[in-house]
Amino acid sequence: MARFLFGRAIQSLLLLWLVSMIGFAILHLTPGGPLSQFALVPGMSQQRLAEIAHEMGLDRPLPLQYWEWLSRLLTGEWGRSYRDQQPVLAVI
């Protein structure tokens, strides 16, 4: 019975990891990517978009971005809301 439960726990962790990878990939594969909301702001320059990408860490390699995103997700450090500058967990 313990072996069965251990196997199921491992399967569940693998499934959660796979779902997190798919979710991360969807965020990056959307048209315009994570910066699309900023590109719609009137008067937004390419230089400012590049600065925002650097601030968000989007200029780093994807595996590094995923690792940072996953570690912040698991620790509850979800960043700040761009709309009201409050912690995201407080807004949710």
C-alpha atoms as a PDB file:
ATOM      1  CA  MET A   1       0.000   0.000   0.000  1.00  0.00           C
ATOM      2  CA  ALA A   2       2.837   2.417   0.864  1.00  0.00           C
ATOM      3  CA  ARG A   3       4.530   1.673  -2.473  1.00  0.00           C
ATOM      4  CA  PHE A   4       1.291   2.452  -4.313  1.00  0.00           C
ATOM      5  CA  LEU A   5       0.858   5.765  -2.477  1.00  0.00           C
ATOM      6  CA  PHE A   6       4.484   6.709  -3.081  1.00  0.00           C
ATOM      7  CA  GLY A   7       4.076   5.953  -6.793  1.00  0.00           C
ATOM      8  CA  ARG A   8       0.928   8.060  -6.967  1.00  0.00           C
ATOM      9  CA  ALA A   9       2.667  10.938  -5.181  1.00  0.00           C
ATOM     10  CA  ILE A  10       5.523  10.829  -7.701  1.00  0.00           C
ATOM     11  CA  GLN A  11       3.030  10.741 -10.589  1.00  0.00           C
ATOM     12  CA  SER A  12       1.186  13.717  -9.123  1.00  0.00           C
ATOM     13  CA  LEU A  13       4.389  15.734  -8.779  1.00  0.00           C
ATOM     14  CA  LEU A  14       5.383  14.936 -12.359  1.00  0.00           C
ATOM     15  CA  LEU A  15       1.945  15.940 -13.584  1.00  0.00           C
ATOM     16  CA  LEU A  16       2.086  19.240 -11.678  1.00  0.00           C
ATOM     17  CA  TRP A  17       5.545  19.913 -13.110  1.00  0.00           C
ATOM     18  CA  LEU A  18       4.294  19.189 -16.640  1.00  0.00           C
ATOM     19  CA  VAL A  19       1.259  21.442 -16.182  1.00  0.00           C
ATOM     20  CA  SER A  20       3.499  24.241 -14.893  1.00  0.00           C
ATOM     21  CA  MET A  21       5.740  23.896 -17.952  1.00  0.00           C
ATOM     22  CA  ILE A  22       2.732  24.018 -20.274  1.00  0.00           C
ATOM     23  CA  GLY A  23       1.367  27.079 -18.477  1.00  0.00           C
ATOM     24  CA  PHE A  24       4.733  28.823 -18.716  1.00  0.00           C
ATOM     25  CA  ALA A  25       5.000  27.967 -22.415  1.00  0.00           C
ATOM     26  CA  ILE A  26       1.506  29.305 -23.103  1.00  0.00           C
ATOM     27  CA  LEU A  27       2.445  32.609 -21.449  1.00  0.00           C
ATOM     28  CA  HIS A  28       5.403  32.921 -23.803  1.00  0.00           C
ATOM     29  CA  LEU A  29       3.670  31.664 -26.949  1.00  0.00           C
ATOM     30  CA  THR A  30       0.766  34.097 -26.858  1.00  0.00           C
ATOM     31  CA  PRO A  31       0.863  36.708 -29.620  1.00  0.00           C
ATOM     32  CA  GLY A  32       3.114  39.499 -28.437  1.00  0.00           C
ATOM     33  CA  GLY A  33       4.298  37.478 -25.452  1.00  0.00           C
ATOM     34  CA  PRO A  34       4.272  38.779 -21.903  1.00  0.00           C
ATOM     35  CA  LEU A  35       4.983  42.324 -23.110  1.00  0.00           C
ATOM     36  CA  SER A  36       1.866  42.614 -25.264  1.00  0.00           C
ATOM     37  CA  GLN A  37      -0.043  44.552 -22.594  1.00  0.00           C
ATOM     38  CA  PHE A  38       2.695  47.195 -22.533  1.00  0.00           C
ATOM     39  CA  ALA A  39       2.981  47.470 -26.312  1.00  0.00           C
ATOM     40  CA  LEU A  40      -0.604  48.777 -26.488  1.00  0.00           C
ATOM     41  CA  VAL A  41       0.153  51.811 -24.311  1.00  0.00           C
ATOM     42  CA  PRO A  42       0.127  54.964 -26.487  1.00  0.00           C
ATOM     43  CA  GLY A  43       3.600  56.441 -26.846  1.00  0.00           C
ATOM     44  CA  MET A  44       5.419  53.292 -25.677  1.00  0.00           C
ATOM     45  CA  SER A  45       8.844  53.240 -27.310  1.00  0.00           C
ATOM     46  CA  GLN A  46      10.860  50.176 -28.218  1.00  0.00           C
ATOM     47  CA  GLN A  47      13.549  51.327 -25.798  1.00  0.00           C
ATOM     48  CA  ARG A  48      11.057  51.412 -22.918  1.00  0.00           C
ATOM     49  CA  LEU A  49       9.748  47.961 -23.925  1.00  0.00           C
ATOM     50  CA  ALA A  50      13.327  46.662 -23.815  1.00  0.00           C
ATOM     51  CA  GLU A  51      13.755  48.198 -20.326  1.00  0.00           C
ATOM     52  CA  ILE A  52      10.542  46.543 -19.115  1.00  0.00           C
ATOM     53  CA  ALA A  53      11.669  43.216 -20.595  1.00  0.00           C
ATOM     54  CA  HIS A  54      14.946  43.539 -18.687  1.00  0.00           C
ATOM     55  CA  GLU A  55      13.131  44.444 -15.437  1.00  0.00           C
ATOM     56  CA  MET A  56      10.894  41.394 -15.839  1.00  0.00           C
ATOM     57  CA  GLY A  57      13.827  39.138 -16.712  1.00  0.00           C
ATOM     58  CA  LEU A  58      12.501  38.373 -20.183  1.00  0.00           C
ATOM     59  CA  ASP A  59      15.922  38.910 -21.726  1.00  0.00           C
ATOM     60  CA  ARG A  60      17.278  35.814 -19.974  1.00  0.00           C
ATOM     61  CA  PRO A  61      17.271  32.284 -21.464  1.00  0.00           C
ATOM     62  CA  LEU A  62      13.919  30.474 -21.194  1.00  0.00           C
ATOM     63  CA  PRO A  63      15.140  27.699 -18.855  1.00  0.00           C
ATOM     64  CA  LEU A  64      16.418  30.322 -16.416  1.00  0.00           C
ATOM     65  CA  GLN A  65      13.152  32.268 -16.706  1.00  0.00           C
ATOM     66  CA  TYR A  66      11.202  29.082 -16.004  1.00  0.00           C
ATOM     67  CA  TRP A  67      13.331  28.233 -12.958  1.00  0.00           C
ATOM     68  CA  GLU A  68      12.889  31.718 -11.478  1.00  0.00           C
ATOM     69  CA  TRP A  69       9.162  31.699 -12.249  1.00  0.00           C
ATOM     70  CA  LEU A  70       8.668  28.269 -10.671  1.00  0.00           C
ATOM     71  CA  SER A  71      10.687  29.113  -7.563  1.00  0.00           C
ATOM     72  CA  ARG A  72       8.725  32.337  -7.055  1.00  0.00           C
ATOM     73  CA  LEU A  73       5.458  30.503  -7.651  1.00  0.00           C
ATOM     74  CA  LEU A  74       6.281  27.902  -5.012  1.00  0.00           C
ATOM     75  CA  THR A  75       7.473  30.446  -2.435  1.00  0.00           C
ATOM     76  CA  GLY A  76       4.439  32.707  -2.861  1.00  0.00           C
ATOM     77  CA  GLU A  77       6.455  35.643  -4.212  1.00  0.00           C
ATOM     78  CA  TRP A  78       4.229  36.471  -7.158  1.00  0.00           C
ATOM     79  CA  GLY A  79       5.452  40.020  -7.681  1.00  0.00           C
ATOM     80  CA  ARG A  80       3.514  43.258  -7.780  1.00  0.00           C
ATOM     81  CA  SER A  81       0.432  44.197  -9.736  1.00  0.00           C
ATOM     82  CA  TYR A  82       1.231  46.615 -12.564  1.00  0.00           C
ATOM     83  CA  ARG A  83      -2.130  48.274 -12.140  1.00  0.00           C
ATOM     84  CA  ASP A  84      -2.078  49.183  -8.421  1.00  0.00           C
ATOM     85  CA  GLN A  85       1.511  48.307  -7.333  1.00  0.00           C
ATOM     86  CA  GLN A  86       0.290  45.972  -4.579  1.00  0.00           C
ATOM     87  CA  PRO A  87       1.493  42.393  -4.032  1.00  0.00           C
ATOM     88  CA  VAL A  88      -0.357  40.055  -6.382  1.00  0.00           C
ATOM     89  CA  LEU A  89      -1.399  37.712  -3.564  1.00  0.00           C
ATOM     90  CA  ALA A  90      -3.045  40.651  -1.779  1.00  0.00           C
ATOM     91  CA  VAL A  91      -4.918  41.600  -4.958  1.00  0.00           C
ATOM     92  CA  ILE A  92      -6.122  38.028  -5.498  1.00  0.00           C
END
